[in-house]
PDB file of N, CA and C in Angstrom:
ATOM      1  N   UNK A   1     111.385  83.801 100.164  1.00  0.00           N
ATOM      2  CA  UNK A   1     112.159  82.563  99.992  1.00  0.00           C
ATOM      3  C   UNK A   1     111.223  81.283  99.904  1.00  0.00           C
ATOM      4  N   UNK A   2     111.652  80.531  98.909  1.00  0.00           N
ATOM      5  CA  UNK A   2     110.723  79.272  98.663  1.00  0.00           C
ATOM      6  C   UNK A   2     111.211  78.340  99.926  1.00  0.00           C
ATOM      7  N   UNK A   3     109.989  77.665 100.411  1.00  0.00           N
ATOM      8  CA  UNK A   3     110.206  76.690 101.778  1.00  0.00           C
ATOM      9  C   UNK A   3     111.227  75.715 101.522  1.00  0.00           C
ATOM     10  N   UNK A   4     111.758  75.335 100.354  1.00  0.00           N
ATOM     11  CA  UNK A   4     112.563  74.420 100.093  1.00  0.00           C
ATOM     12  C   UNK A   4     113.813  74.885  99.866  1.00  0.00           C
ATOM     13  N   UNK A   5     114.180  76.113  99.981  1.00  0.00           N
ATOM     14  CA  UNK A   5     115.377  76.762  99.947  1.00  0.00           C
ATOM     15  C   UNK A   5     116.379  77.024 101.162  1.00  0.00           C
ATOM     16  N   UNK A   6     117.399  76.931 100.992  1.00  0.00           N
ATOM     17  CA  UNK A   6     118.450  77.010 100.001  1.00  0.00           C
ATOM     18  C   UNK A   6     118.380  75.245  99.638  1.00  0.00           C
ATOM     19  N   UNK A   7     118.675  75.114  98.219  1.00  0.00           N
ATOM     20  CA  UNK A   7     118.617  73.669  97.693  1.00  0.00           C
ATOM     21  C   UNK A   7     119.460  73.741  96.552  1.00  0.00           C
ATOM     22  N   UNK A   8     119.682  72.614  95.875  1.00  0.00           N
ATOM     23  CA  UNK A   8     120.422  72.702  94.636  1.00  0.00           C
ATOM     24  C   UNK A   8     119.517  72.818  93.534  1.00  0.00           C
ATOM     25  N   UNK A   9     119.880  73.190  92.322  1.00  0.00           N
ATOM     26  CA  UNK A   9     119.168  73.351  90.978  1.00  0.00           C
ATOM     27  C   UNK A   9     118.668  71.887  90.749  1.00  0.00           C
ATOM     28  N   UNK A  10     119.442  70.938  91.028  1.00  0.00           N
ATOM     29  CA  UNK A  10     118.982  69.607  90.545  1.00  0.00           C
ATOM     30  C   UNK A  10     117.703  69.237  91.377  1.00  0.00           C
ATOM     31  N   UNK A  11     117.526  69.710  92.650  1.00  0.00           N
ATOM     32  CA  UNK A  11     116.417  69.273  93.441  1.00  0.00           C
ATOM     33  C   UNK A  11     115.377  70.061  92.837  1.00  0.00           C
ATOM     34  N   UNK A  12     115.410  71.313  92.467  1.00  0.00           N
ATOM     35  CA  UNK A  12     114.316  72.099  91.871  1.00  0.00           C
ATOM     36  C   UNK A  12     113.843  71.681  90.491  1.00  0.00           C
ATOM     37  N   UNK A  13     114.690  71.100  89.785  1.00  0.00           N
ATOM     38  CA  UNK A  13     114.203  70.538  88.294  1.00  0.00           C
ATOM     39  C   UNK A  13     113.598  69.307  88.569  1.00  0.00           C
ATOM     40  N   UNK A  14     113.461  68.621  89.718  1.00  0.00           N
ATOM     41  CA  UNK A  14     112.687  67.432  89.797  1.00  0.00           C
ATOM     42  C   UNK A  14     111.251  67.618  89.585  1.00  0.00           C
ATOM     43  N   UNK A  15     110.751  68.523  89.969  1.00  0.00           N
ATOM     44  CA  UNK A  15     109.319  68.882  90.163  1.00  0.00           C
ATOM     45  C   UNK A  15     109.127  70.189  89.927  1.00  0.00           C
ATOM     46  N   UNK A  16     107.625  70.682  89.704  1.00  0.00           N
ATOM     47  CA  UNK A  16     107.268  71.959  89.727  1.00  0.00           C
ATOM     48  C   UNK A  16     107.455  72.754  90.836  1.00  0.00           C
ATOM     49  N   UNK A  17     107.988  74.136  90.887  1.00  0.00           N
ATOM     50  CA  UNK A  17     108.144  75.049  92.192  1.00  0.00           C
ATOM     51  C   UNK A  17     106.789  75.712  92.322  1.00  0.00           C
ATOM     52  N   UNK A  18     106.272  75.628  93.437  1.00  0.00           N
ATOM     53  CA  UNK A  18     104.923  76.343  93.570  1.00  0.00           C
ATOM     54  C   UNK A  18     105.228  77.213  94.812  1.00  0.00           C
ATOM     55  N   UNK A  19     104.382  78.228  94.868  1.00  0.00           N
ATOM     56  CA  UNK A  19     104.402  79.198  96.315  1.00  0.00           C
ATOM     57  C   UNK A  19     102.825  78.920  96.601  1.00  0.00           C
ATOM     58  N   UNK A  20     102.250  78.061  96.609  1.00  0.00           N
ATOM     59  CA  UNK A  20     100.824  77.695  96.891  1.00  0.00           C
ATOM     60  C   UNK A  20     100.691  78.150  98.435  1.00  0.00           C
ATOM     61  N   UNK A  21     101.514  78.080  99.343  1.00  0.00           N
ATOM     62  CA  UNK A  21     101.211  78.329 100.673  1.00  0.00           C
ATOM     63  C   UNK A  21     101.739  79.704 101.068  1.00  0.00           C
ATOM     64  N   UNK A  22     102.110  80.750 100.112  1.00  0.00           N
ATOM     65  CA  UNK A  22     102.577  81.856 100.532  1.00  0.00           C
ATOM     66  C   UNK A  22     101.713  82.739 101.281  1.00  0.00           C
ATOM     67  N   UNK A  23     102.002  83.259 102.339  1.00  0.00           N
ATOM     68  CA  UNK A  23     101.098  83.832 103.087  1.00  0.00           C
ATOM     69  C   UNK A  23     101.202  85.501 102.845  1.00  0.00           C
ATOM     70  N   UNK A  24     100.106  86.153 102.515  1.00  0.00           N
ATOM     71  CA  UNK A  24     100.075  87.573 102.199  1.00  0.00           C
ATOM     72  C   UNK A  24      99.197  88.309 103.140  1.00  0.00           C
ATOM     73  N   UNK A  25      99.630  89.622 103.445  1.00  0.00           N
ATOM     74  CA  UNK A  25      99.026  90.451 104.289  1.00  0.00           C
ATOM     75  C   UNK A  25      99.018  91.659 104.249  1.00  0.00           C
ATOM     76  N   UNK A  26      98.081  92.485 104.709  1.00  0.00           N
ATOM     77  CA  UNK A  26      98.268  94.094 104.519  1.00  0.00           C
ATOM     78  C   UNK A  26      98.587  94.603 105.907  1.00  0.00           C
ATOM     79  N   UNK A  27      98.761  93.729 107.055  1.00  0.00           N
ATOM     80  CA  UNK A  27      99.000  94.136 108.297  1.00  0.00           C
ATOM     81  C   UNK A  27     100.379  94.876 108.544  1.00  0.00           C
ATOM     82  N   UNK A  28     100.274  95.965 109.300  1.00  0.00           N
ATOM     83  CA  UNK A  28     101.377  96.773 109.594  1.00  0.00           C
ATOM     84  C   UNK A  28     102.413  96.064 110.641  1.00  0.00           C
ATOM     85  N   UNK A  29     101.834  94.842 111.052  1.00  0.00           N
ATOM     86  CA  UNK A  29     102.731  94.071 111.841  1.00  0.00           C
ATOM     87  C   UNK A  29     102.535  92.700 111.674  1.00  0.00           C
ATOM     88  N   UNK A  30     103.271  92.299 110.702  1.00  0.00           N
ATOM     89  CA  UNK A  30     103.108  90.774 110.142  1.00  0.00           C
ATOM     90  C   UNK A  30     103.665  89.872 111.100  1.00  0.00           C
ATOM     91  N   UNK A  31     103.068  88.597 110.983  1.00  0.00           N
ATOM     92  CA  UNK A  31     103.481  87.550 111.776  1.00  0.00           C
ATOM     93  C   UNK A  31     104.300  86.494 111.185  1.00  0.00           C
ATOM     94  N   UNK A  32     105.283  86.158 111.603  1.00  0.00           N
ATOM     95  CA  UNK A  32     105.917  84.969 110.892  1.00  0.00           C
ATOM     96  C   UNK A  32     106.720  85.146 109.451  1.00  0.00           C
ATOM     97  N   UNK A  33     106.398  84.346 108.695  1.00  0.00           N
ATOM     98  CA  UNK A  33     106.878  84.489 107.316  1.00  0.00           C
ATOM     99  C   UNK A  33     105.744  85.194 106.310  1.00  0.00           C
ATOM    100  N   UNK A  34     104.893  85.974 106.865  1.00  0.00           N
ATOM    101  CA  UNK A  34     103.915  86.703 106.113  1.00  0.00           C
ATOM    102  C   UNK A  34     104.717  87.618 105.187  1.00  0.00           C
ATOM    103  N   UNK A  35     104.138  87.770 103.888  1.00  0.00           N
ATOM    104  CA  UNK A  35     104.649  88.859 102.931  1.00  0.00           C
ATOM    105  C   UNK A  35     103.699  90.027 102.956  1.00  0.00           C
ATOM    106  N   UNK A  36     104.123  91.201 103.320  1.00  0.00           N
ATOM    107  CA  UNK A  36     103.386  92.641 103.383  1.00  0.00           C
ATOM    108  C   UNK A  36     103.020  93.007 102.021  1.00  0.00           C
ATOM    109  N   UNK A  37     101.902  93.159 101.574  1.00  0.00           N
ATOM    110  CA  UNK A  37     101.355  93.964 100.304  1.00  0.00           C
ATOM    111  C   UNK A  37     100.709  95.164 100.639  1.00  0.00           C
ATOM    112  N   UNK A  38     100.639  96.251  99.993  1.00  0.00           N
ATOM    113  CA  UNK A  38      99.748  97.497 100.154  1.00  0.00           C
ATOM    114  C   UNK A  38      98.569  97.235  99.085  1.00  0.00           C
ATOM    115  N   UNK A  39      97.349  97.566  99.679  1.00  0.00           N
ATOM    116  CA  UNK A  39      96.265  97.480  98.758  1.00  0.00           C
ATOM    117  C   UNK A  39      96.421  98.567  97.663  1.00  0.00           C
ATOM    118  N   UNK A  40      95.896  98.320  96.537  1.00  0.00           N
ATOM    119  CA  UNK A  40      95.888  99.104  95.248  1.00  0.00           C
ATOM    120  C   UNK A  40      97.337  99.643  94.706  1.00  0.00           C
ATOM    121  N   UNK A  41      98.340  98.754  95.148  1.00  0.00           N
ATOM    122  CA  UNK A  41      99.767  98.931  94.650  1.00  0.00           C
ATOM    123  C   UNK A  41      99.727  97.703  93.697  1.00  0.00           C
ATOM    124  N   UNK A  42     100.735  97.960  92.392  1.00  0.00           N
ATOM    125  CA  UNK A  42     101.224  96.977  91.580  1.00  0.00           C
ATOM    126  C   UNK A  42     102.400  96.475  91.989  1.00  0.00           C
ATOM    127  N   UNK A  43     102.306  94.812  91.895  1.00  0.00           N
ATOM    128  CA  UNK A  43     103.463  94.126  92.274  1.00  0.00           C
ATOM    129  C   UNK A  43     103.933  93.284  90.875  1.00  0.00           C
ATOM    130  N   UNK A  44     105.184  92.940  90.981  1.00  0.00           N
ATOM    131  CA  UNK A  44     105.779  92.337  89.963  1.00  0.00           C
ATOM    132  C   UNK A  44     106.725  91.375  90.686  1.00  0.00           C
ATOM    133  N   UNK A  45     106.360  90.037  90.952  1.00  0.00           N
ATOM    134  CA  UNK A  45     107.120  88.956  91.491  1.00  0.00           C
ATOM    135  C   UNK A  45     108.566  88.702  90.593  1.00  0.00           C
ATOM    136  N   UNK A  46     109.396  88.426  91.248  1.00  0.00           N
ATOM    137  CA  UNK A  46     110.806  88.170  90.686  1.00  0.00           C
ATOM    138  C   UNK A  46     111.339  86.769  91.349  1.00  0.00           C
ATOM    139  N   UNK A  47     112.062  86.146  90.615  1.00  0.00           N
ATOM    140  CA  UNK A  47     112.506  85.075  90.911  1.00  0.00           C
ATOM    141  C   UNK A  47     114.099  85.218  90.953  1.00  0.00           C
ATOM    142  N   UNK A  48     114.849  85.075  91.986  1.00  0.00           N
ATOM    143  CA  UNK A  48     116.173  85.093  92.248  1.00  0.00           C
ATOM    144  C   UNK A  48     116.958  83.984  92.378  1.00  0.00           C
ATOM    145  N   UNK A  49     117.817  83.652  91.571  1.00  0.00           N
ATOM    146  CA  UNK A  49     118.628  82.542  91.573  1.00  0.00           C
ATOM    147  C   UNK A  49     120.112  82.733  91.968  1.00  0.00           C
ATOM    148  N   UNK A  50     120.661  82.457  93.006  1.00  0.00           N
ATOM    149  CA  UNK A  50     122.004  82.699  93.586  1.00  0.00           C
ATOM    150  C   UNK A  50     122.783  81.501  93.941  1.00  0.00           C
ATOM    151  N   UNK A  51     123.986  81.330  93.679  1.00  0.00           N
ATOM    152  CA  UNK A  51     124.746  80.131  94.311  1.00  0.00           C
ATOM    153  C   UNK A  51     125.098  80.279  95.715  1.00  0.00           C
ATOM    154  N   UNK A  52     125.239  78.982  96.143  1.00  0.00           N
ATOM    155  CA  UNK A  52     125.320  79.049  97.647  1.00  0.00           C
ATOM    156  C   UNK A  52     126.724  79.366  98.144  1.00  0.00           C
ATOM    157  N   UNK A  53     127.706  79.172  97.007  1.00  0.00           N
ATOM    158  CA  UNK A  53     129.100  79.510  97.327  1.00  0.00           C
ATOM    159  C   UNK A  53     129.622  80.804  96.750  1.00  0.00           C
ATOM    160  N   UNK A  54     128.514  81.628  96.323  1.00  0.00           N
ATOM    161  CA  UNK A  54     129.080  82.832  95.991  1.00  0.00           C
ATOM    162  C   UNK A  54     129.788  83.022  94.638  1.00  0.00           C
ATOM    163  N   UNK A  55     129.810  81.954  93.765  1.00  0.00           N
ATOM    164  CA  UNK A  55     130.766  82.034  92.658  1.00  0.00           C
ATOM    165  C   UNK A  55     130.347  83.012  91.599  1.00  0.00           C
ATOM    166  N   UNK A  56     128.887  83.400  91.382  1.00  0.00           N
ATOM    167  CA  UNK A  56     128.643  84.296  90.439  1.00  0.00           C
ATOM    168  C   UNK A  56     127.521  85.225  91.243  1.00  0.00           C
ATOM    169  N   UNK A  57     127.278  86.103  90.409  1.00  0.00           N
ATOM    170  CA  UNK A  57     126.225  87.215  90.846  1.00  0.00           C
ATOM    171  C   UNK A  57     124.768  86.404  90.687  1.00  0.00           C
ATOM    172  N   UNK A  58     123.931  86.710  91.497  1.00  0.00           N
ATOM    173  CA  UNK A  58     122.661  86.120  91.387  1.00  0.00           C
ATOM    174  C   UNK A  58     122.096  86.448  90.061  1.00  0.00           C
ATOM    175  N   UNK A  59     121.000  85.597  89.346  1.00  0.00           N
ATOM    176  CA  UNK A  59     120.198  86.213  88.374  1.00  0.00           C
ATOM    177  C   UNK A  59     119.045  86.339  88.757  1.00  0.00           C
ATOM    178  N   UNK A  60     118.241  87.454  88.203  1.00  0.00           N
ATOM    179  CA  UNK A  60     117.113  87.693  88.462  1.00  0.00           C
ATOM    180  C   UNK A  60     115.973  87.556  87.234  1.00  0.00           C
ATOM    181  N   UNK A  61     114.890  86.965  87.615  1.00  0.00           N
ATOM    182  CA  UNK A  61     114.136  86.481  86.309  1.00  0.00           C
ATOM    183  C   UNK A  61     112.745  87.287  86.915  1.00  0.00           C
ATOM    184  N   UNK A  62     111.945  87.956  85.912  1.00  0.00           N
ATOM    185  CA  UNK A  62     110.587  88.262  86.209  1.00  0.00           C
ATOM    186  C   UNK A  62     109.722  87.849  84.731  1.00  0.00           C
ATOM    187  N   UNK A  63     108.507  87.843  85.071  1.00  0.00           N
ATOM    188  CA  UNK A  63     107.600  87.460  84.026  1.00  0.00           C
ATOM    189  C   UNK A  63     106.319  88.401  84.018  1.00  0.00           C
ATOM    190  N   UNK A  64     106.336  89.073  82.841  1.00  0.00           N
ATOM    191  CA  UNK A  64     105.088  90.107  82.897  1.00  0.00           C
ATOM    192  C   UNK A  64     103.715  89.673  83.081  1.00  0.00           C
ATOM    193  N   UNK A  65     103.486  88.306  82.801  1.00  0.00           N
ATOM    194  CA  UNK A  65     102.066  87.751  83.023  1.00  0.00           C
ATOM    195  C   UNK A  65     101.842  87.440  84.403  1.00  0.00           C
ATOM    196  N   UNK A  66     102.813  87.882  85.428  1.00  0.00           N
ATOM    197  CA  UNK A  66     102.641  87.603  86.774  1.00  0.00           C
ATOM    198  C   UNK A  66     102.217  88.775  87.478  1.00  0.00           C
ATOM    199  N   UNK A  67     102.314  89.973  86.928  1.00  0.00           N
ATOM    200  CA  UNK A  67     102.010  91.327  87.529  1.00  0.00           C
ATOM    201  C   UNK A  67     100.610  91.413  87.917  1.00  0.00           C
ATOM    202  N   UNK A  68     100.410  91.991  89.133  1.00  0.00           N
ATOM    203  CA  UNK A  68      99.148  92.018  89.668  1.00  0.00           C
ATOM    204  C   UNK A  68      99.057  93.135  90.689  1.00  0.00           C
ATOM    205  N   UNK A  69      97.555  93.668  90.837  1.00  0.00           N
ATOM    206  CA  UNK A  69      97.514  94.663  91.783  1.00  0.00           C
ATOM    207  C   UNK A  69      96.761  94.134  93.050  1.00  0.00           C
ATOM    208  N   UNK A  70      97.414  94.367  94.380  1.00  0.00           N
ATOM    209  CA  UNK A  70      96.672  93.853  95.596  1.00  0.00           C
ATOM    210  C   UNK A  70      95.364  94.645  95.834  1.00  0.00           C
ATOM    211  N   UNK A  71      94.515  93.703  96.306  1.00  0.00           N
ATOM    212  CA  UNK A  71      93.285  94.486  96.975  1.00  0.00           C
ATOM    213  C   UNK A  71      93.008  93.641  98.059  1.00  0.00           C
ATOM    214  N   UNK A  72      92.179  94.399  98.922  1.00  0.00           N
ATOM    215  CA  UNK A  72      91.903  93.668 100.349  1.00  0.00           C
ATOM    216  C   UNK A  72      90.635  92.756 100.192  1.00  0.00           C
ATOM    217  N   UNK A  73      89.811  93.177  99.278  1.00  0.00           N
ATOM    218  CA  UNK A  73      88.559  92.221  99.256  1.00  0.00           C
ATOM    219  C   UNK A  73      87.852  92.310  97.674  1.00  0.00           C
ATOM    220  N   UNK A  74      87.431  91.425  97.097  1.00  0.00           N
ATOM    221  CA  UNK A  74      86.596  91.596  95.892  1.00  0.00           C
ATOM    222  C   UNK A  74      85.329  91.774  96.226  1.00  0.00           C
ATOM    223  N   UNK A  75      84.546  92.833  95.588  1.00  0.00           N
ATOM    224  CA  UNK A  75      83.056  92.999  95.912  1.00  0.00           C
ATOM    225  C   UNK A  75      82.067  92.042  95.199  1.00  0.00           C
ATOM    226  N   UNK A  76      82.880  91.548  93.934  1.00  0.00           N
ATOM    227  CA  UNK A  76      82.040  90.660  93.310  1.00  0.00           C
ATOM    228  C   UNK A  76      82.173  89.219  93.704  1.00  0.00           C
ATOM    229  N   UNK A  77      81.130  88.605  93.999  1.00  0.00           N
ATOM    230  CA  UNK A  77      81.242  87.356  94.765  1.00  0.00           C
ATOM    231  C   UNK A  77      81.612  86.237  93.747  1.00  0.00           C
ATOM    232  N   UNK A  78      81.488  86.546  92.286  1.00  0.00           N
ATOM    233  CA  UNK A  78      81.930  85.486  91.272  1.00  0.00           C
ATOM    234  C   UNK A  78      83.311  85.421  91.145  1.00  0.00           C
ATOM    235  N   UNK A  79      84.155  86.445  91.636  1.00  0.00           N
ATOM    236  CA  UNK A  79      85.617  86.285  91.473  1.00  0.00           C
ATOM    237  C   UNK A  79      86.296  85.585  92.544  1.00  0.00           C
ATOM    238  N   UNK A  80      87.134  84.690  92.217  1.00  0.00           N
ATOM    239  CA  UNK A  80      87.937  84.137  93.178  1.00  0.00           C
ATOM    240  C   UNK A  80      89.286  83.790  92.701  1.00  0.00           C
ATOM    241  N   UNK A  81      90.161  83.827  93.627  1.00  0.00           N
ATOM    242  CA  UNK A  81      91.815  83.747  93.189  1.00  0.00           C
ATOM    243  C   UNK A  81      92.145  82.253  93.383  1.00  0.00           C
ATOM    244  N   UNK A  82      92.655  81.720  92.188  1.00  0.00           N
ATOM    245  CA  UNK A  82      93.398  80.538  92.349  1.00  0.00           C
ATOM    246  C   UNK A  82      94.538  80.421  91.488  1.00  0.00           C
ATOM    247  N   UNK A  83      95.764  80.549  91.951  1.00  0.00           N
ATOM    248  CA  UNK A  83      96.965  80.512  90.831  1.00  0.00           C
ATOM    249  C   UNK A  83      97.746  79.217  91.068  1.00  0.00           C
ATOM    250  N   UNK A  84      98.067  78.773  89.925  1.00  0.00           N
ATOM    251  CA  UNK A  84      99.143  77.837  89.852  1.00  0.00           C
ATOM    252  C   UNK A  84     100.141  78.215  89.193  1.00  0.00           C
ATOM    253  N   UNK A  85     101.305  78.560  89.894  1.00  0.00           N
ATOM    254  CA  UNK A  85     102.427  79.117  89.251  1.00  0.00           C
ATOM    255  C   UNK A  85     103.476  78.249  88.641  1.00  0.00           C
ATOM    256  N   UNK A  86     102.985  77.219  87.829  1.00  0.00           N
ATOM    257  CA  UNK A  86     103.935  76.291  87.036  1.00  0.00           C
ATOM    258  C   UNK A  86     104.139  76.697  85.812  1.00  0.00           C
TER     259      UNK A  86
END
């Protein structure tokens, strides 16, 4: 869940929505709000938009360009990960 959720659509339309502080782990015992990923598995993030009053079914969006494979460490020191999900 986005840290600013729940909120109105008008709130989210005012600025970019980022997940820059999402905490990922491969731990079998995650702490707090960490998202657990398994190494060498493929993931496809999805955006779920749902009304607070339940007036319609949630809408689910996915973007093929955000698909990734989780790894525990990169062996190549020239590789670094910086994603800007705008």
